[in-house]
Amino acid sequence: MTKQRCSWVGKDPLYQAYHDKEWGVPNYSSQSLFAKLCLEGQQAGLSWITVLKKRANYERLFFNFDSNKIIELTESDIDRLMLDTDIIRNRLKINSIIKNAKSYLKIEQNEGDFSNYIWQFTNGQTLVNQWQEHSQIPATSSESDKMAKDLKKRGFSFVGSTICYAFMQSMGMINDHTADCFRHAECLKLSEQRSSR
């Protein structure tokens, strides 16, 4: 029997695996959160599947999103990356990863943990929705508005409210699997396990 998935998934096996194993799973790793925030920014104006297909290339070219290595990239490195068809060749987007790495390190140095900083926007909890249809799901929320505003203030770029909302959905800060999707209950259980600790 075929499992019922969110309607946006489609038939691409890569997209299905992403939906079934990653999207909406609460993630508390500072490194993973930083990497995903950078990748979500790369999709601005594009579809997530475009970035997902290039994710391994971003990981390879940006040192698995090791911020200490990313901030060492020079203008000539950026010129080289601009010629690389394995990623999205947009100078502003490439630069945003470097800018974001610098801002990420400042948060880690001054406030301790990037994960705690990010999860504060949902008070450390997963916000659980019960949407019946994909069309009901908003593009932004008051939480993503606050996150976007604060990230921009701290020097991050490509972090508008829509990007932040997509980021929050993907990292399990919001459970936006539709109620009929088999992953809604599974991700709910994962978030409850975390809260009961």
C-alpha atoms as a PDB file:
ATOM      1  CA  MET A   1       0.000   0.000   0.000  1.00  0.00           C
ATOM      2  CA  THR A   2       1.344   3.419  -0.985  1.00  0.00           C
ATOM      3  CA  LYS A   3       1.914   5.781   1.907  1.00  0.00           C
ATOM      4  CA  GLN A   4       0.117   9.115   1.761  1.00  0.00           C
ATOM      5  CA  ARG A   5       2.626  11.940   1.477  1.00  0.00           C
ATOM      6  CA  CYS A   6       2.330  15.731   1.409  1.00  0.00           C
ATOM      7  CA  SER A   7       1.060  16.768  -2.029  1.00  0.00           C
ATOM      8  CA  TRP A   8       4.179  18.828  -2.878  1.00  0.00           C
ATOM      9  CA  VAL A   9       6.492  15.821  -2.962  1.00  0.00           C
ATOM     10  CA  GLY A  10       5.849  14.435  -6.447  1.00  0.00           C
ATOM     11  CA  LYS A  11       7.485  11.326  -7.888  1.00  0.00           C
ATOM     12  CA  ASP A  12      11.211  12.170  -7.762  1.00  0.00           C
ATOM     13  CA  PRO A  13      12.881   9.495  -5.541  1.00  0.00           C
ATOM     14  CA  LEU A  14      15.330  12.076  -4.146  1.00  0.00           C
ATOM     15  CA  TYR A  15      12.445  14.356  -3.159  1.00  0.00           C
ATOM     16  CA  GLN A  16      10.490  11.460  -1.666  1.00  0.00           C
ATOM     17  CA  ALA A  17      13.484  10.363   0.431  1.00  0.00           C
ATOM     18  CA  TYR A  18      13.996  13.958   1.619  1.00  0.00           C
ATOM     19  CA  HIS A  19      10.332  14.205   2.624  1.00  0.00           C
ATOM     20  CA  ASP A  20      10.233  10.775   4.258  1.00  0.00           C
ATOM     21  CA  LYS A  21      13.462  11.009   6.244  1.00  0.00           C
ATOM     22  CA  GLU A  22      14.429  14.664   6.766  1.00  0.00           C
ATOM     23  CA  TRP A  23      11.700  17.251   6.251  1.00  0.00           C
ATOM     24  CA  GLY A  24      10.055  18.158   9.534  1.00  0.00           C
ATOM     25  CA  VAL A  25      12.413  16.139  11.763  1.00  0.00           C
ATOM     26  CA  PRO A  26      13.437  18.292  14.759  1.00  0.00           C
ATOM     27  CA  ASN A  27      17.136  19.085  14.349  1.00  0.00           C
ATOM     28  CA  TYR A  28      19.192  20.585  17.180  1.00  0.00           C
ATOM     29  CA  SER A  29      22.653  20.429  15.619  1.00  0.00           C
ATOM     30  CA  SER A  30      24.115  23.936  15.243  1.00  0.00           C
ATOM     31  CA  GLN A  31      26.163  22.780  12.246  1.00  0.00           C
ATOM     32  CA  SER A  32      23.142  21.234  10.484  1.00  0.00           C
ATOM     33  CA  LEU A  33      20.988  24.281  11.179  1.00  0.00           C
ATOM     34  CA  PHE A  34      23.651  26.603   9.774  1.00  0.00           C
ATOM     35  CA  ALA A  35      24.111  24.457   6.653  1.00  0.00           C
ATOM     36  CA  LYS A  36      20.367  24.271   6.015  1.00  0.00           C
ATOM     37  CA  LEU A  37      19.881  28.003   6.507  1.00  0.00           C
ATOM     38  CA  CYS A  38      22.553  28.636   3.860  1.00  0.00           C
ATOM     39  CA  LEU A  39      20.996  26.111   1.480  1.00  0.00           C
ATOM     40  CA  GLU A  40      17.486  27.510   1.941  1.00  0.00           C
ATOM     41  CA  GLY A  41      18.899  30.893   0.915  1.00  0.00           C
ATOM     42  CA  GLN A  42      20.265  29.378  -2.284  1.00  0.00           C
ATOM     43  CA  GLN A  43      16.762  28.434  -3.382  1.00  0.00           C
ATOM     44  CA  ALA A  44      15.467  32.041  -3.401  1.00  0.00           C
ATOM     45  CA  GLY A  45      13.563  32.397  -6.667  1.00  0.00           C
ATOM     46  CA  LEU A  46      14.030  28.687  -7.452  1.00  0.00           C
ATOM     47  CA  SER A  47      12.482  25.409  -6.326  1.00  0.00           C
ATOM     48  CA  TRP A  48      13.919  23.399  -3.418  1.00  0.00           C
ATOM     49  CA  ILE A  49      14.428  20.349  -5.645  1.00  0.00           C
ATOM     50  CA  THR A  50      16.958  22.396  -7.675  1.00  0.00           C
ATOM     51  CA  VAL A  51      19.050  22.967  -4.538  1.00  0.00           C
ATOM     52  CA  LEU A  52      18.475  19.457  -3.209  1.00  0.00           C
ATOM     53  CA  LYS A  53      19.978  17.970  -6.370  1.00  0.00           C
ATOM     54  CA  LYS A  54      23.058  20.165  -5.856  1.00  0.00           C
ATOM     55  CA  ARG A  55      23.319  19.773  -2.080  1.00  0.00           C
ATOM     56  CA  ALA A  56      26.214  17.281  -2.187  1.00  0.00           C
ATOM     57  CA  ASN A  57      28.130  19.722  -4.423  1.00  0.00           C
ATOM     58  CA  TYR A  58      27.597  22.558  -1.934  1.00  0.00           C
ATOM     59  CA  GLU A  59      28.827  20.307   0.863  1.00  0.00           C
ATOM     60  CA  ARG A  60      31.930  19.433  -1.145  1.00  0.00           C
ATOM     61  CA  LEU A  61      32.732  22.990  -2.255  1.00  0.00           C
ATOM     62  CA  PHE A  62      31.941  24.634   1.090  1.00  0.00           C
ATOM     63  CA  PHE A  63      33.851  22.216   3.358  1.00  0.00           C
ATOM     64  CA  ASN A  64      30.694  20.511   4.671  1.00  0.00           C
ATOM     65  CA  PHE A  65      29.642  23.968   5.846  1.00  0.00           C
ATOM     66  CA  ASP A  66      32.549  24.327   8.245  1.00  0.00           C
ATOM     67  CA  SER A  67      32.180  28.038   8.978  1.00  0.00           C
ATOM     68  CA  ASN A  68      35.822  28.464  10.030  1.00  0.00           C
ATOM     69  CA  LYS A  69      36.940  27.295   6.583  1.00  0.00           C
ATOM     70  CA  ILE A  70      34.225  29.171   4.693  1.00  0.00           C
ATOM     71  CA  ILE A  71      35.303  32.552   6.089  1.00  0.00           C
ATOM     72  CA  GLU A  72      38.777  31.975   4.598  1.00  0.00           C
ATOM     73  CA  LEU A  73      37.390  32.005   1.029  1.00  0.00           C
ATOM     74  CA  THR A  74      38.866  34.822  -1.072  1.00  0.00           C
ATOM     75  CA  GLU A  75      37.622  36.808  -4.069  1.00  0.00           C
ATOM     76  CA  SER A  76      39.538  34.475  -6.370  1.00  0.00           C
ATOM     77  CA  ASP A  77      37.794  31.499  -4.708  1.00  0.00           C
ATOM     78  CA  ILE A  78      34.468  33.188  -5.385  1.00  0.00           C
ATOM     79  CA  ASP A  79      35.457  33.765  -9.026  1.00  0.00           C
ATOM     80  CA  ARG A  80      36.283  30.055  -9.278  1.00  0.00           C
ATOM     81  CA  LEU A  81      32.971  29.057  -7.692  1.00  0.00           C
ATOM     82  CA  MET A  82      31.154  31.311 -10.163  1.00  0.00           C
ATOM     83  CA  LEU A  83      32.443  29.068 -12.970  1.00  0.00           C
ATOM     84  CA  ASP A  84      31.348  25.852 -11.265  1.00  0.00           C
ATOM     85  CA  THR A  85      28.166  24.449 -12.836  1.00  0.00           C
ATOM     86  CA  ASP A  86      27.725  22.070  -9.885  1.00  0.00           C
ATOM     87  CA  ILE A  87      26.162  24.888  -7.838  1.00  0.00           C
ATOM     88  CA  ILE A  88      23.889  27.872  -8.505  1.00  0.00           C
ATOM     89  CA  ARG A  89      26.186  30.479 -10.023  1.00  0.00           C
ATOM     90  CA  ASN A  90      24.961  33.625  -8.352  1.00  0.00           C
ATOM     91  CA  ARG A  91      27.609  35.856  -6.796  1.00  0.00           C
ATOM     92  CA  LEU A  92      25.252  37.309  -4.180  1.00  0.00           C
ATOM     93  CA  LYS A  93      24.191  33.835  -3.091  1.00  0.00           C
ATOM     94  CA  ILE A  94      27.764  32.546  -2.927  1.00  0.00           C
ATOM     95  CA  ASN A  95      28.777  35.619  -0.931  1.00  0.00           C
ATOM     96  CA  SER A  96      25.822  35.086   1.391  1.00  0.00           C
ATOM     97  CA  ILE A  97      27.281  31.753   2.552  1.00  0.00           C
ATOM     98  CA  ILE A  98      30.503  33.546   3.547  1.00  0.00           C
ATOM     99  CA  LYS A  99      28.593  36.390   5.245  1.00  0.00           C
ATOM    100  CA  ASN A 100      26.404  33.902   7.069  1.00  0.00           C
ATOM    101  CA  ALA A 101      29.436  31.905   8.245  1.00  0.00           C
ATOM    102  CA  LYS A 102      30.910  35.068   9.814  1.00  0.00           C
ATOM    103  CA  SER A 103      27.592  35.906  11.509  1.00  0.00           C
ATOM    104  CA  TYR A 104      27.151  32.314  12.676  1.00  0.00           C
ATOM    105  CA  LEU A 105      30.600  32.369  14.323  1.00  0.00           C
ATOM    106  CA  LYS A 106      29.761  35.622  16.109  1.00  0.00           C
ATOM    107  CA  ILE A 107      26.645  34.043  17.614  1.00  0.00           C
ATOM    108  CA  GLU A 108      28.600  30.935  18.642  1.00  0.00           C
ATOM    109  CA  GLN A 109      31.332  33.076  20.214  1.00  0.00           C
ATOM    110  CA  ASN A 110      29.111  35.630  21.936  1.00  0.00           C
ATOM    111  CA  GLU A 111      26.040  33.635  22.866  1.00  0.00           C
ATOM    112  CA  GLY A 112      27.207  30.058  23.009  1.00  0.00           C
ATOM    113  CA  ASP A 113      25.060  27.821  20.908  1.00  0.00           C
ATOM    114  CA  PHE A 114      23.567  28.603  17.497  1.00  0.00           C
ATOM    115  CA  SER A 115      20.965  25.875  17.996  1.00  0.00           C
ATOM    116  CA  ASN A 116      19.665  27.513  21.185  1.00  0.00           C
ATOM    117  CA  TYR A 117      19.614  30.854  19.407  1.00  0.00           C
ATOM    118  CA  ILE A 118      17.575  29.461  16.471  1.00  0.00           C
ATOM    119  CA  TRP A 119      15.152  27.418  18.564  1.00  0.00           C
ATOM    120  CA  GLN A 120      14.332  30.393  20.790  1.00  0.00           C
ATOM    121  CA  PHE A 121      12.000  31.623  18.030  1.00  0.00           C
ATOM    122  CA  THR A 122       9.646  28.720  18.836  1.00  0.00           C
ATOM    123  CA  ASN A 123      10.506  28.639  22.554  1.00  0.00           C
ATOM    124  CA  GLY A 124      12.478  25.441  22.025  1.00  0.00           C
ATOM    125  CA  GLN A 125       9.362  23.553  20.909  1.00  0.00           C
ATOM    126  CA  THR A 126       7.985  22.276  17.605  1.00  0.00           C
ATOM    127  CA  LEU A 127       4.901  24.224  16.555  1.00  0.00           C
ATOM    128  CA  VAL A 128       2.389  21.610  15.410  1.00  0.00           C
ATOM    129  CA  ASN A 129      -0.168  22.466  12.734  1.00  0.00           C
ATOM    130  CA  GLN A 130      -3.078  20.357  11.492  1.00  0.00           C
ATOM    131  CA  TRP A 131      -3.450  21.515   7.901  1.00  0.00           C
ATOM    132  CA  GLN A 132      -5.855  19.459   5.812  1.00  0.00           C
ATOM    133  CA  GLU A 133      -4.519  20.694   2.472  1.00  0.00           C
ATOM    134  CA  HIS A 134      -1.231  22.076   1.199  1.00  0.00           C
ATOM    135  CA  SER A 135      -3.013  25.253   0.052  1.00  0.00           C
ATOM    136  CA  GLN A 136      -3.738  26.139   3.693  1.00  0.00           C
ATOM    137  CA  ILE A 137      -0.053  26.295   4.652  1.00  0.00           C
ATOM    138  CA  PRO A 138       1.222  29.890   4.924  1.00  0.00           C
ATOM    139  CA  ALA A 139       4.469  31.181   3.418  1.00  0.00           C
ATOM    140  CA  THR A 140       5.435  33.089   6.581  1.00  0.00           C
ATOM    141  CA  SER A 141       4.464  33.383  10.245  1.00  0.00           C
ATOM    142  CA  SER A 142       5.030  35.791  13.118  1.00  0.00           C
ATOM    143  CA  GLU A 143       7.891  33.497  14.235  1.00  0.00           C
ATOM    144  CA  SER A 144       9.575  33.529  10.813  1.00  0.00           C
ATOM    145  CA  ASP A 145       9.133  37.316  10.674  1.00  0.00           C
ATOM    146  CA  LYS A 146      10.971  37.666  13.990  1.00  0.00           C
ATOM    147  CA  MET A 147      13.695  35.217  12.968  1.00  0.00           C
ATOM    148  CA  ALA A 148      14.277  36.981   9.635  1.00  0.00           C
ATOM    149  CA  LYS A 149      14.463  40.391  11.277  1.00  0.00           C
ATOM    150  CA  ASP A 150      16.937  39.223  13.918  1.00  0.00           C
ATOM    151  CA  LEU A 151      19.138  37.273  11.485  1.00  0.00           C
ATOM    152  CA  LYS A 152      19.361  40.304   9.160  1.00  0.00           C
ATOM    153  CA  LYS A 153      20.265  42.520  12.112  1.00  0.00           C
ATOM    154  CA  ARG A 154      23.118  40.102  12.851  1.00  0.00           C
ATOM    155  CA  GLY A 155      24.496  40.284   9.297  1.00  0.00           C
ATOM    156  CA  PHE A 156      22.912  37.231   7.649  1.00  0.00           C
ATOM    157  CA  SER A 157      21.624  37.536   4.089  1.00  0.00           C
ATOM    158  CA  PHE A 158      19.082  35.628   1.992  1.00  0.00           C
ATOM    159  CA  VAL A 159      17.092  35.138   5.189  1.00  0.00           C
ATOM    160  CA  GLY A 160      13.742  36.756   4.412  1.00  0.00           C
ATOM    161  CA  SER A 161      10.640  35.584   6.272  1.00  0.00           C
ATOM    162  CA  THR A 162       9.628  33.130   3.508  1.00  0.00           C
ATOM    163  CA  ILE A 163      13.092  31.525   3.538  1.00  0.00           C
ATOM    164  CA  CYS A 164      13.018  31.389   7.350  1.00  0.00           C
ATOM    165  CA  TYR A 165       9.585  29.748   7.329  1.00  0.00           C
ATOM    166  CA  ALA A 166      10.755  27.079   4.851  1.00  0.00           C
ATOM    167  CA  PHE A 167      13.830  26.566   7.043  1.00  0.00           C
ATOM    168  CA  MET A 168      11.681  26.164  10.172  1.00  0.00           C
ATOM    169  CA  GLN A 169       9.464  23.625   8.396  1.00  0.00           C
ATOM    170  CA  SER A 170      12.413  21.601   7.149  1.00  0.00           C
ATOM    171  CA  MET A 171      14.236  21.531  10.491  1.00  0.00           C
ATOM    172  CA  GLY A 172      11.203  20.450  12.484  1.00  0.00           C
ATOM    173  CA  MET A 173      10.617  23.746  14.267  1.00  0.00           C
ATOM    174  CA  ILE A 174       7.180  23.638  12.646  1.00  0.00           C
ATOM    175  CA  ASN A 175       5.332  20.427  11.787  1.00  0.00           C
ATOM    176  CA  ASP A 176       3.668  21.368   8.501  1.00  0.00           C
ATOM    177  CA  HIS A 177       3.116  17.880   7.148  1.00  0.00           C
ATOM    178  CA  THR A 178      -0.558  17.809   6.212  1.00  0.00           C
ATOM    179  CA  ALA A 179      -2.719  15.805   8.610  1.00  0.00           C
ATOM    180  CA  ASP A 180      -3.217  12.995   6.066  1.00  0.00           C
ATOM    181  CA  CYS A 181       0.549  12.563   5.504  1.00  0.00           C
ATOM    182  CA  PHE A 182       2.096   9.542   7.241  1.00  0.00           C
ATOM    183  CA  ARG A 183       4.992  11.709   8.428  1.00  0.00           C
ATOM    184  CA  HIS A 184       2.789  14.094  10.426  1.00  0.00           C
ATOM    185  CA  ALA A 185       2.336  11.609  13.265  1.00  0.00           C
ATOM    186  CA  GLU A 186       5.929  10.342  13.031  1.00  0.00           C
ATOM    187  CA  CYS A 187       7.416  13.845  13.303  1.00  0.00           C
ATOM    188  CA  LEU A 188       4.960  14.664  16.094  1.00  0.00           C
ATOM    189  CA  LYS A 189       6.276  11.677  18.039  1.00  0.00           C
ATOM    190  CA  LEU A 190       9.879  12.805  17.484  1.00  0.00           C
ATOM    191  CA  SER A 191       9.117  16.306  18.800  1.00  0.00           C
ATOM    192  CA  GLU A 192       7.268  14.886  21.834  1.00  0.00           C
ATOM    193  CA  GLN A 193      10.239  12.646  22.653  1.00  0.00           C
ATOM    194  CA  ARG A 194      12.471  15.719  22.736  1.00  0.00           C
ATOM    195  CA  SER A 195      10.026  17.729  24.919  1.00  0.00           C
ATOM    196  CA  SER A 196       9.730  14.929  27.461  1.00  0.00           C
ATOM    197  CA  ARG A 197      13.474  14.857  28.102  1.00  0.00           C
END
